[in-house]
C-alpha atoms as a PDB file:
ATOM      1  CA  MET A   1       0.000   0.000   0.000  1.00  0.00           C
ATOM      2  CA  ARG A   2       1.314   3.455  -0.949  1.00  0.00           C
ATOM      3  CA  THR A   3       0.202   6.579   0.894  1.00  0.00           C
ATOM      4  CA  ILE A   4      -0.241   9.903  -0.903  1.00  0.00           C
ATOM      5  CA  GLU A   5      -1.092  13.138   0.866  1.00  0.00           C
ATOM      6  CA  VAL A   6      -3.990  14.918  -0.804  1.00  0.00           C
ATOM      7  CA  THR A   7      -1.957  18.134  -0.702  1.00  0.00           C
ATOM      8  CA  GLU A   8       0.236  16.550  -3.392  1.00  0.00           C
ATOM      9  CA  ILE A   9      -2.834  16.162  -5.585  1.00  0.00           C
ATOM     10  CA  THR A  10      -3.764  19.802  -4.982  1.00  0.00           C
ATOM     11  CA  HIS A  11      -0.265  21.025  -5.846  1.00  0.00           C
ATOM     12  CA  ASN A  12      -0.131  19.071  -9.111  1.00  0.00           C
ATOM     13  CA  ILE A  13      -3.647  20.040 -10.198  1.00  0.00           C
ATOM     14  CA  LYS A  14      -2.771  23.702  -9.582  1.00  0.00           C
ATOM     15  CA  GLU A  15       0.343  23.486 -11.743  1.00  0.00           C
ATOM     16  CA  MET A  16      -1.427  21.508 -14.458  1.00  0.00           C
ATOM     17  CA  CYS A  17      -4.261  24.038 -14.762  1.00  0.00           C
ATOM     18  CA  ILE A  18      -1.699  26.765 -15.395  1.00  0.00           C
ATOM     19  CA  GLU A  19       0.399  24.589 -17.704  1.00  0.00           C
ATOM     20  CA  ALA A  20      -2.518  23.426 -19.847  1.00  0.00           C
ATOM     21  CA  ASN A  21      -3.779  26.969 -20.325  1.00  0.00           C
ATOM     22  CA  HIS A  22      -0.409  28.372 -21.423  1.00  0.00           C
ATOM     23  CA  PHE A  23       1.310  25.578 -23.346  1.00  0.00           C
ATOM     24  CA  LEU A  24       0.087  23.095 -25.935  1.00  0.00           C
ATOM     25  CA  SER A  25       0.875  19.425 -25.464  1.00  0.00           C
ATOM     26  CA  GLU A  26       3.724  18.181 -27.660  1.00  0.00           C
ATOM     27  CA  ASP A  27       1.426  16.171 -29.939  1.00  0.00           C
ATOM     28  CA  MET A  28      -0.765  19.210 -30.593  1.00  0.00           C
ATOM     29  CA  GLU A  29       2.248  21.395 -31.415  1.00  0.00           C
ATOM     30  CA  LYS A  30       3.475  18.832 -33.933  1.00  0.00           C
ATOM     31  CA  ALA A  31       0.018  18.466 -35.483  1.00  0.00           C
ATOM     32  CA  LEU A  32      -0.369  22.228 -35.980  1.00  0.00           C
ATOM     33  CA  LYS A  33       3.103  22.453 -37.512  1.00  0.00           C
ATOM     34  CA  TRP A  34       2.343  19.643 -39.955  1.00  0.00           C
ATOM     35  CA  ALA A  35      -1.028  21.219 -40.767  1.00  0.00           C
ATOM     36  CA  ALA A  36       0.620  24.543 -41.627  1.00  0.00           C
ATOM     37  CA  GLU A  37       2.995  22.746 -43.986  1.00  0.00           C
ATOM     38  CA  ASP A  38       0.243  20.701 -45.672  1.00  0.00           C
ATOM     39  CA  GLU A  39      -2.543  23.294 -45.927  1.00  0.00           C
ATOM     40  CA  LYS A  40      -3.368  23.991 -49.564  1.00  0.00           C
ATOM     41  CA  ALA A  41      -5.264  27.290 -49.188  1.00  0.00           C
ATOM     42  CA  SER A  42      -3.186  30.464 -48.822  1.00  0.00           C
ATOM     43  CA  LEU A  43      -5.644  31.987 -46.323  1.00  0.00           C
ATOM     44  CA  GLY A  44      -5.647  28.707 -44.394  1.00  0.00           C
ATOM     45  CA  ARG A  45      -1.838  28.775 -44.203  1.00  0.00           C
ATOM     46  CA  GLN A  46      -1.963  32.363 -43.002  1.00  0.00           C
ATOM     47  CA  ILE A  47      -4.407  31.519 -40.216  1.00  0.00           C
ATOM     48  CA  LEU A  48      -2.401  28.486 -39.122  1.00  0.00           C
ATOM     49  CA  GLY A  49       0.702  30.692 -39.045  1.00  0.00           C
ATOM     50  CA  GLN A  50      -1.130  33.194 -36.858  1.00  0.00           C
ATOM     51  CA  LEU A  51      -2.183  30.412 -34.500  1.00  0.00           C
ATOM     52  CA  GLN A  52       1.446  29.360 -34.152  1.00  0.00           C
ATOM     53  CA  ASP A  53       2.462  32.973 -33.487  1.00  0.00           C
ATOM     54  CA  ASN A  54      -0.219  33.121 -30.807  1.00  0.00           C
ATOM     55  CA  LEU A  55       1.174  30.004 -29.147  1.00  0.00           C
ATOM     56  CA  LYS A  56       4.699  31.449 -29.165  1.00  0.00           C
ATOM     57  CA  ILE A  57       3.550  34.713 -27.571  1.00  0.00           C
ATOM     58  CA  ALA A  58       1.453  32.849 -24.987  1.00  0.00           C
ATOM     59  CA  GLY A  59       4.418  30.751 -23.889  1.00  0.00           C
ATOM     60  CA  GLU A  60       6.922  33.588 -23.812  1.00  0.00           C
ATOM     61  CA  ASP A  61       4.689  36.123 -22.032  1.00  0.00           C
ATOM     62  CA  MET A  62       2.649  33.632 -19.950  1.00  0.00           C
ATOM     63  CA  ILE A  63      -0.621  34.697 -21.500  1.00  0.00           C
ATOM     64  CA  PRO A  64      -3.373  32.070 -21.837  1.00  0.00           C
ATOM     65  CA  ILE A  65      -3.465  30.553 -25.317  1.00  0.00           C
ATOM     66  CA  CYS A  66      -7.228  31.270 -25.394  1.00  0.00           C
ATOM     67  CA  GLN A  67      -9.288  33.799 -23.469  1.00  0.00           C
ATOM     68  CA  ASP A  68     -11.789  31.038 -22.636  1.00  0.00           C
ATOM     69  CA  THR A  69      -9.760  29.117 -20.068  1.00  0.00           C
ATOM     70  CA  GLY A  70     -12.499  26.554 -19.874  1.00  0.00           C
ATOM     71  CA  MET A  71     -14.298  24.442 -17.323  1.00  0.00           C
ATOM     72  CA  THR A  72     -11.768  22.060 -15.838  1.00  0.00           C
ATOM     73  CA  VAL A  73     -12.265  18.383 -16.605  1.00  0.00           C
ATOM     74  CA  VAL A  74     -10.087  16.033 -14.544  1.00  0.00           C
ATOM     75  CA  PHE A  75      -9.536  12.329 -15.176  1.00  0.00           C
ATOM     76  CA  LEU A  76      -8.020  10.453 -12.224  1.00  0.00           C
ATOM     77  CA  GLU A  77      -6.802   6.881 -12.716  1.00  0.00           C
ATOM     78  CA  VAL A  78      -6.183   5.754  -9.157  1.00  0.00           C
ATOM     79  CA  GLY A  79      -4.180   2.623  -8.410  1.00  0.00           C
ATOM     80  CA  GLN A  80      -6.070   0.319  -6.064  1.00  0.00           C
ATOM     81  CA  GLU A  81      -2.993   0.087  -3.836  1.00  0.00           C
ATOM     82  CA  VAL A  82      -3.017   3.847  -3.174  1.00  0.00           C
ATOM     83  CA  HIS A  83      -4.296   5.274   0.115  1.00  0.00           C
ATOM     84  CA  PHE A  84      -4.983   8.996   0.373  1.00  0.00           C
ATOM     85  CA  GLU A  85      -4.420  10.874   3.614  1.00  0.00           C
ATOM     86  CA  GLY A  86      -5.004  14.390   4.837  1.00  0.00           C
ATOM     87  CA  GLY A  87      -8.462  15.099   3.539  1.00  0.00           C
ATOM     88  CA  ASN A  88     -11.085  14.449   0.901  1.00  0.00           C
ATOM     89  CA  LEU A  89      -9.778  13.638  -2.588  1.00  0.00           C
ATOM     90  CA  THR A  90     -12.518  15.510  -4.460  1.00  0.00           C
ATOM     91  CA  ASP A  91     -11.995  18.563  -2.258  1.00  0.00           C
ATOM     92  CA  SER A  92      -8.257  18.428  -2.940  1.00  0.00           C
ATOM     93  CA  VAL A  93      -8.844  18.389  -6.719  1.00  0.00           C
ATOM     94  CA  ASN A  94     -11.160  21.379  -6.525  1.00  0.00           C
ATOM     95  CA  GLU A  95      -8.698  23.217  -4.302  1.00  0.00           C
ATOM     96  CA  GLY A  96      -6.018  22.653  -6.939  1.00  0.00           C
ATOM     97  CA  VAL A  97      -8.309  24.105  -9.587  1.00  0.00           C
ATOM     98  CA  ARG A  98      -9.134  27.070  -7.350  1.00  0.00           C
ATOM     99  CA  GLN A  99      -5.454  27.820  -6.705  1.00  0.00           C
ATOM    100  CA  GLY A 100      -4.518  27.360 -10.359  1.00  0.00           C
ATOM    101  CA  TYR A 101      -7.165  29.718 -11.678  1.00  0.00           C
ATOM    102  CA  VAL A 102      -6.815  32.353  -8.955  1.00  0.00           C
ATOM    103  CA  GLU A 103      -3.018  32.410  -8.709  1.00  0.00           C
ATOM    104  CA  GLY A 104      -2.586  31.863 -12.446  1.00  0.00           C
ATOM    105  CA  TYR A 105      -4.900  34.797 -13.258  1.00  0.00           C
ATOM    106  CA  LEU A 106      -7.016  32.567 -15.489  1.00  0.00           C
ATOM    107  CA  ARG A 107     -10.549  33.533 -16.460  1.00  0.00           C
ATOM    108  CA  LYS A 108     -13.189  32.185 -14.092  1.00  0.00           C
ATOM    109  CA  SER A 109     -16.022  30.835 -16.210  1.00  0.00           C
ATOM    110  CA  VAL A 110     -18.001  28.525 -13.914  1.00  0.00           C
ATOM    111  CA  VAL A 111     -21.419  29.481 -12.547  1.00  0.00           C
ATOM    112  CA  LYS A 112     -22.782  27.957  -9.342  1.00  0.00           C
ATOM    113  CA  ASP A 113     -26.224  27.141 -10.727  1.00  0.00           C
ATOM    114  CA  PRO A 114     -26.990  26.530 -14.426  1.00  0.00           C
ATOM    115  CA  LEU A 115     -30.045  28.830 -14.333  1.00  0.00           C
ATOM    116  CA  ILE A 116     -29.280  31.391 -11.620  1.00  0.00           C
ATOM    117  CA  ARG A 117     -25.846  31.951 -13.235  1.00  0.00           C
ATOM    118  CA  GLU A 118     -23.873  33.347 -10.285  1.00  0.00           C
ATOM    119  CA  ASN A 119     -20.124  33.014 -10.932  1.00  0.00           C
ATOM    120  CA  THR A 120     -18.190  30.909  -8.384  1.00  0.00           C
ATOM    121  CA  LYS A 121     -15.214  33.287  -8.892  1.00  0.00           C
ATOM    122  CA  ASP A 122     -12.584  30.522  -8.773  1.00  0.00           C
ATOM    123  CA  ASN A 123     -13.606  28.206 -11.652  1.00  0.00           C
ATOM    124  CA  THR A 124     -14.707  25.443  -9.304  1.00  0.00           C
ATOM    125  CA  PRO A 125     -16.129  22.899  -9.179  1.00  0.00           C
ATOM    126  CA  ALA A 126     -14.273  20.784 -11.696  1.00  0.00           C
ATOM    127  CA  VAL A 127     -15.875  17.888 -13.544  1.00  0.00           C
ATOM    128  CA  ILE A 128     -14.042  14.864 -12.133  1.00  0.00           C
ATOM    129  CA  HIS A 129     -13.985  11.310 -13.462  1.00  0.00           C
ATOM    130  CA  TYR A 130     -12.465   8.520 -11.365  1.00  0.00           C
ATOM    131  CA  ASP A 131     -11.187   5.127 -12.505  1.00  0.00           C
ATOM    132  CA  ILE A 132      -9.791   2.507 -10.114  1.00  0.00           C
ATOM    133  CA  VAL A 133      -6.938   0.646 -11.824  1.00  0.00           C
ATOM    134  CA  PRO A 134      -4.268  -1.862 -10.759  1.00  0.00           C
ATOM    135  CA  GLY A 135      -1.044  -0.607  -9.171  1.00  0.00           C
ATOM    136  CA  ASP A 136       0.171   2.070  -6.790  1.00  0.00           C
ATOM    137  CA  GLN A 137       0.279   5.128  -9.047  1.00  0.00           C
ATOM    138  CA  VAL A 138      -2.116   7.960  -9.804  1.00  0.00           C
ATOM    139  CA  LYS A 139      -2.441   9.258 -13.361  1.00  0.00           C
ATOM    140  CA  ILE A 140      -3.885  12.765 -13.558  1.00  0.00           C
ATOM    141  CA  THR A 141      -5.192  14.302 -16.767  1.00  0.00           C
ATOM    142  CA  VAL A 142      -6.343  17.913 -16.611  1.00  0.00           C
ATOM    143  CA  ALA A 143      -8.305  19.134 -19.629  1.00  0.00           C
ATOM    144  CA  PRO A 144      -9.709  22.688 -19.500  1.00  0.00           C
ATOM    145  CA  LYS A 145     -12.646  22.628 -21.933  1.00  0.00           C
ATOM    146  CA  GLY A 146     -13.736  25.819 -23.629  1.00  0.00           C
ATOM    147  CA  PHE A 147     -17.400  26.064 -24.470  1.00  0.00           C
ATOM    148  CA  GLY A 148     -17.167  27.386 -28.011  1.00  0.00           C
ATOM    149  CA  SER A 149     -16.352  23.843 -29.078  1.00  0.00           C
ATOM    150  CA  GLU A 150     -18.173  22.115 -26.203  1.00  0.00           C
ATOM    151  CA  ASN A 151     -21.458  23.667 -27.310  1.00  0.00           C
ATOM    152  CA  MET A 152     -20.999  22.083 -30.734  1.00  0.00           C
ATOM    153  CA  SER A 153     -20.831  18.533 -29.361  1.00  0.00           C
ATOM    154  CA  ARG A 154     -23.623  16.014 -29.936  1.00  0.00           C
ATOM    155  CA  VAL A 155     -25.064  12.698 -28.778  1.00  0.00           C
ATOM    156  CA  PHE A 156     -26.910  10.544 -31.318  1.00  0.00           C
ATOM    157  CA  MET A 157     -29.010   7.581 -30.173  1.00  0.00           C
ATOM    158  CA  LEU A 158     -28.875   5.613 -33.404  1.00  0.00           C
ATOM    159  CA  LYS A 159     -30.683   2.385 -34.209  1.00  0.00           C
ATOM    160  CA  PRO A 160     -28.541  -0.755 -34.639  1.00  0.00           C
ATOM    161  CA  ALA A 161     -29.691  -0.933 -38.269  1.00  0.00           C
ATOM    162  CA  ASP A 162     -28.008   2.438 -38.903  1.00  0.00           C
ATOM    163  CA  GLY A 163     -24.680   0.605 -38.622  1.00  0.00           C
ATOM    164  CA  ILE A 164     -21.301   2.082 -39.471  1.00  0.00           C
ATOM    165  CA  GLU A 165     -22.736   4.318 -42.206  1.00  0.00           C
ATOM    166  CA  GLY A 166     -25.032   5.884 -39.633  1.00  0.00           C
ATOM    167  CA  VAL A 167     -22.055   6.475 -37.373  1.00  0.00           C
ATOM    168  CA  LYS A 168     -20.145   8.165 -40.191  1.00  0.00           C
ATOM    169  CA  GLN A 169     -23.110  10.385 -40.981  1.00  0.00           C
ATOM    170  CA  ALA A 170     -23.488  11.355 -37.314  1.00  0.00           C
ATOM    171  CA  ILE A 171     -19.836  12.426 -37.092  1.00  0.00           C
ATOM    172  CA  LEU A 172     -20.049  14.453 -40.304  1.00  0.00           C
ATOM    173  CA  THR A 173     -23.325  16.051 -39.202  1.00  0.00           C
ATOM    174  CA  ALA A 174     -21.807  17.197 -35.913  1.00  0.00           C
ATOM    175  CA  VAL A 175     -18.728  18.634 -37.637  1.00  0.00           C
ATOM    176  CA  LYS A 176     -20.666  20.397 -40.401  1.00  0.00           C
ATOM    177  CA  ASP A 177     -23.143  21.856 -37.916  1.00  0.00           C
ATOM    178  CA  ALA A 178     -20.214  23.115 -35.826  1.00  0.00           C
ATOM    179  CA  GLY A 179     -18.567  24.825 -38.791  1.00  0.00           C
ATOM    180  CA  PRO A 180     -16.489  27.809 -37.655  1.00  0.00           C
ATOM    181  CA  ASN A 181     -18.023  27.872 -34.165  1.00  0.00           C
ATOM    182  CA  ALA A 182     -15.669  25.163 -32.891  1.00  0.00           C
ATOM    183  CA  CYS A 183     -12.571  27.236 -33.797  1.00  0.00           C
ATOM    184  CA  PRO A 184     -11.076  24.824 -36.345  1.00  0.00           C
ATOM    185  CA  PRO A 185      -8.805  23.110 -37.028  1.00  0.00           C
ATOM    186  CA  MET A 186     -10.538  20.915 -34.486  1.00  0.00           C
ATOM    187  CA  VAL A 187      -9.884  17.611 -32.784  1.00  0.00           C
ATOM    188  CA  VAL A 188     -12.871  15.275 -32.914  1.00  0.00           C
ATOM    189  CA  GLY A 189     -13.424  12.812 -30.078  1.00  0.00           C
ATOM    190  CA  VAL A 190     -15.966  10.063 -30.722  1.00  0.00           C
ATOM    191  CA  GLY A 191     -17.488   7.489 -28.392  1.00  0.00           C
ATOM    192  CA  ILE A 192     -19.440   4.582 -29.860  1.00  0.00           C
ATOM    193  CA  GLY A 193     -21.409   2.135 -27.726  1.00  0.00           C
ATOM    194  CA  GLY A 194     -22.218   1.840 -24.068  1.00  0.00           C
ATOM    195  CA  THR A 195     -25.132   3.990 -22.949  1.00  0.00           C
ATOM    196  CA  PHE A 196     -26.189   7.628 -23.313  1.00  0.00           C
ATOM    197  CA  GLU A 197     -23.666   8.860 -20.734  1.00  0.00           C
ATOM    198  CA  LYS A 198     -20.937   6.284 -21.452  1.00  0.00           C
ATOM    199  CA  CYS A 199     -20.500   7.265 -25.098  1.00  0.00           C
ATOM    200  CA  ALA A 200     -20.235  10.950 -24.114  1.00  0.00           C
ATOM    201  CA  LEU A 201     -17.552  10.172 -21.535  1.00  0.00           C
ATOM    202  CA  MET A 202     -15.612   8.103 -24.074  1.00  0.00           C
ATOM    203  CA  ALA A 203     -15.768  10.959 -26.576  1.00  0.00           C
ATOM    204  CA  LYS A 204     -14.453  13.386 -23.969  1.00  0.00           C
ATOM    205  CA  ARG A 205     -11.621  11.092 -22.930  1.00  0.00           C
ATOM    206  CA  ALA A 206     -10.739  10.379 -26.574  1.00  0.00           C
ATOM    207  CA  LEU A 207      -9.727  14.023 -26.967  1.00  0.00           C
ATOM    208  CA  THR A 208      -6.836  13.445 -24.534  1.00  0.00           C
ATOM    209  CA  ARG A 209      -5.356  10.543 -26.499  1.00  0.00           C
ATOM    210  CA  PRO A 210      -2.073  11.556 -28.206  1.00  0.00           C
ATOM    211  CA  LEU A 211      -2.892  12.500 -31.785  1.00  0.00           C
ATOM    212  CA  GLU A 212      -0.278  10.235 -33.301  1.00  0.00           C
ATOM    213  CA  GLU A 213      -1.862   7.174 -31.653  1.00  0.00           C
ATOM    214  CA  ARG A 214      -4.482   5.336 -33.652  1.00  0.00           C
ATOM    215  CA  SER A 215      -6.952   2.780 -32.318  1.00  0.00           C
ATOM    216  CA  ALA A 216      -5.636  -0.728 -31.801  1.00  0.00           C
ATOM    217  CA  ILE A 217      -8.862  -2.104 -33.320  1.00  0.00           C
ATOM    218  CA  PRO A 218      -8.311  -2.372 -37.097  1.00  0.00           C
ATOM    219  CA  TYR A 219     -11.794  -1.279 -38.246  1.00  0.00           C
ATOM    220  CA  VAL A 220     -11.800   1.630 -35.769  1.00  0.00           C
ATOM    221  CA  LYS A 221      -8.369   2.737 -36.987  1.00  0.00           C
ATOM    222  CA  ASP A 222      -9.688   2.663 -40.555  1.00  0.00           C
ATOM    223  CA  LEU A 223     -12.743   4.638 -39.467  1.00  0.00           C
ATOM    224  CA  GLU A 224     -10.577   7.290 -37.783  1.00  0.00           C
ATOM    225  CA  GLU A 225      -8.518   7.742 -40.925  1.00  0.00           C
ATOM    226  CA  GLU A 226     -11.543   7.805 -43.243  1.00  0.00           C
ATOM    227  CA  MET A 227     -13.413  10.349 -41.117  1.00  0.00           C
ATOM    228  CA  LEU A 228     -10.374  12.629 -40.874  1.00  0.00           C
ATOM    229  CA  GLU A 229     -10.068  12.590 -44.650  1.00  0.00           C
ATOM    230  CA  ARG A 230     -13.778  13.248 -45.182  1.00  0.00           C
ATOM    231  CA  ILE A 231     -13.892  16.031 -42.585  1.00  0.00           C
ATOM    232  CA  ASN A 232     -10.930  17.750 -44.217  1.00  0.00           C
ATOM    233  CA  LYS A 233     -12.765  17.601 -47.543  1.00  0.00           C
ATOM    234  CA  THR A 234     -15.691  19.628 -46.157  1.00  0.00           C
ATOM    235  CA  GLY A 235     -13.751  22.813 -46.913  1.00  0.00           C
ATOM    236  CA  ILE A 236     -14.524  24.421 -43.536  1.00  0.00           C
ATOM    237  CA  GLY A 237     -10.815  24.995 -43.030  1.00  0.00           C
ATOM    238  CA  PRO A 238      -8.781  26.925 -40.428  1.00  0.00           C
ATOM    239  CA  GLY A 239     -10.928  29.482 -38.645  1.00  0.00           C
ATOM    240  CA  GLY A 240     -13.883  28.333 -40.742  1.00  0.00           C
ATOM    241  CA  LEU A 241     -12.617  30.462 -43.632  1.00  0.00           C
ATOM    242  CA  GLY A 242     -11.951  27.641 -46.069  1.00  0.00           C
ATOM    243  CA  GLY A 243      -9.098  25.255 -46.626  1.00  0.00           C
ATOM    244  CA  THR A 244      -7.996  21.655 -46.421  1.00  0.00           C
ATOM    245  CA  THR A 245      -7.362  21.460 -42.667  1.00  0.00           C
ATOM    246  CA  THR A 246     -10.647  21.306 -40.792  1.00  0.00           C
ATOM    247  CA  ALA A 247      -9.537  18.647 -38.279  1.00  0.00           C
ATOM    248  CA  LEU A 248      -6.161  17.596 -36.938  1.00  0.00           C
ATOM    249  CA  ALA A 249      -7.340  14.177 -35.757  1.00  0.00           C
ATOM    250  CA  VAL A 250     -10.365  11.977 -35.177  1.00  0.00           C
ATOM    251  CA  ASN A 251      -9.984   9.804 -32.064  1.00  0.00           C
ATOM    252  CA  ILE A 252     -12.603   7.073 -31.629  1.00  0.00           C
ATOM    253  CA  ASP A 253     -13.242   4.801 -28.637  1.00  0.00           C
ATOM    254  CA  THR A 254     -15.780   1.980 -28.497  1.00  0.00           C
ATOM    255  CA  TYR A 255     -17.551  -0.024 -25.785  1.00  0.00           C
ATOM    256  CA  PRO A 256     -20.043  -2.905 -25.706  1.00  0.00           C
ATOM    257  CA  THR A 257     -23.679  -1.837 -25.917  1.00  0.00           C
ATOM    258  CA  HIS A 258     -27.243  -3.156 -25.743  1.00  0.00           C
ATOM    259  CA  ILE A 259     -28.783  -5.161 -28.581  1.00  0.00           C
ATOM    260  CA  ALA A 260     -31.366  -2.408 -29.099  1.00  0.00           C
ATOM    261  CA  GLY A 261     -29.030   0.575 -29.298  1.00  0.00           C
ATOM    262  CA  LEU A 262     -26.124   2.281 -31.029  1.00  0.00           C
ATOM    263  CA  PRO A 263     -25.187   5.394 -29.008  1.00  0.00           C
ATOM    264  CA  VAL A 264     -22.696   7.766 -30.635  1.00  0.00           C
ATOM    265  CA  ALA A 265     -21.212  10.884 -29.055  1.00  0.00           C
ATOM    266  CA  VAL A 266     -19.112  13.488 -30.844  1.00  0.00           C
ATOM    267  CA  ASN A 267     -17.151  15.783 -28.536  1.00  0.00           C
ATOM    268  CA  ILE A 268     -15.397  18.492 -30.533  1.00  0.00           C
ATOM    269  CA  CYS A 269     -12.418  20.478 -29.298  1.00  0.00           C
ATOM    270  CA  CYS A 270     -10.868  23.589 -30.800  1.00  0.00           C
ATOM    271  CA  HIS A 271      -7.375  23.932 -32.236  1.00  0.00           C
ATOM    272  CA  VAL A 272      -5.702  24.115 -28.798  1.00  0.00           C
ATOM    273  CA  ASN A 273      -7.240  20.912 -27.363  1.00  0.00           C
ATOM    274  CA  ARG A 274      -5.722  21.691 -23.973  1.00  0.00           C
ATOM    275  CA  HIS A 275      -4.646  18.889 -21.662  1.00  0.00           C
ATOM    276  CA  ALA A 276      -1.790  18.049 -19.326  1.00  0.00           C
ATOM    277  CA  VAL A 277      -0.884  14.610 -17.989  1.00  0.00           C
ATOM    278  CA  ARG A 278       1.149  13.601 -14.937  1.00  0.00           C
ATOM    279  CA  ILE A 279       1.779  10.306 -13.145  1.00  0.00           C
ATOM    280  CA  LEU A 280       2.419  10.345  -9.397  1.00  0.00           C
END
C-alpha cells in the first residue's frame, strides 16, 4: 500500500491548470506544424501561421493561449494500492483548480447554478472522473474545456440498423453543424457504444489521447482515418474560412452496448485541445 497526501494532488492540479492553459501538449504542437505545412489554401496557411504565433507569444509572455480558459475536466486513474491521507480527494482536486485559476490569473467561467448563473469566482467545481486501476500510481489528466467547441458537441441515439454508415453520418453532421463555431482546425473525439452517458464520456476522454496514436482495433483505426479525410474535404478549413485542414485528428473509442441501441457521441475540441498529464 502506498500513501499519498492529498496536498500533493492539490499542488499538481494547480500546476497543471496553469500549464494546460499556457502551453500546448507536444502532440498538438506537432500536429499544428504539420497542418501549416500541408494546408493547400493560402488563407488557411496564413491563419495556421497566426495560430502558431499566438502560441509562441502565450508561452513567452505567460498569457493564456485562449481567453476562454475553460471548465476544468479532470480524469483520475487511481491505483487500487493507493491510500490517500489528509483530507477528501474531491476537495483536494477542486482546491487545486481554485489555486490554479486564482493564482494563475485565469478567467473564471463557472457558474454555481446553471439557471441562476452566479459566478463561483474561482472556476470550481471541476468535472471529475475517477477510474480505479491496478497498481500504486495515480495518473492525472487535466483538460480545461472551452465552451465554443463544447457547445458544438452532440449525442446521437442511433438504431442498430443504422450501422457504421449511420455512425459516419453522425460524425459528419456534428462537424458540419459546428462549422467555424468550434474554432477549427478541431480535434474530434468520438465514443461509440455503451449507454447515453458512457459514449459521451468516451468521446471526452478520446480528446486526450495523443494524436499520433491510432486505435488498436483495425476497423476503428480505418474509421478514424476515413473520417479525418472526409472532414478535411468539407472545406470548412482553419478558422472556418476555407481550406484543407478542418480537423487535426479523429480519435474514436468503443464499448459494448445493448442489442437495441447504437449510441454515438461526438465531442469536438478547438485547435488548442488543452490537456496536461502527470503520473504520481
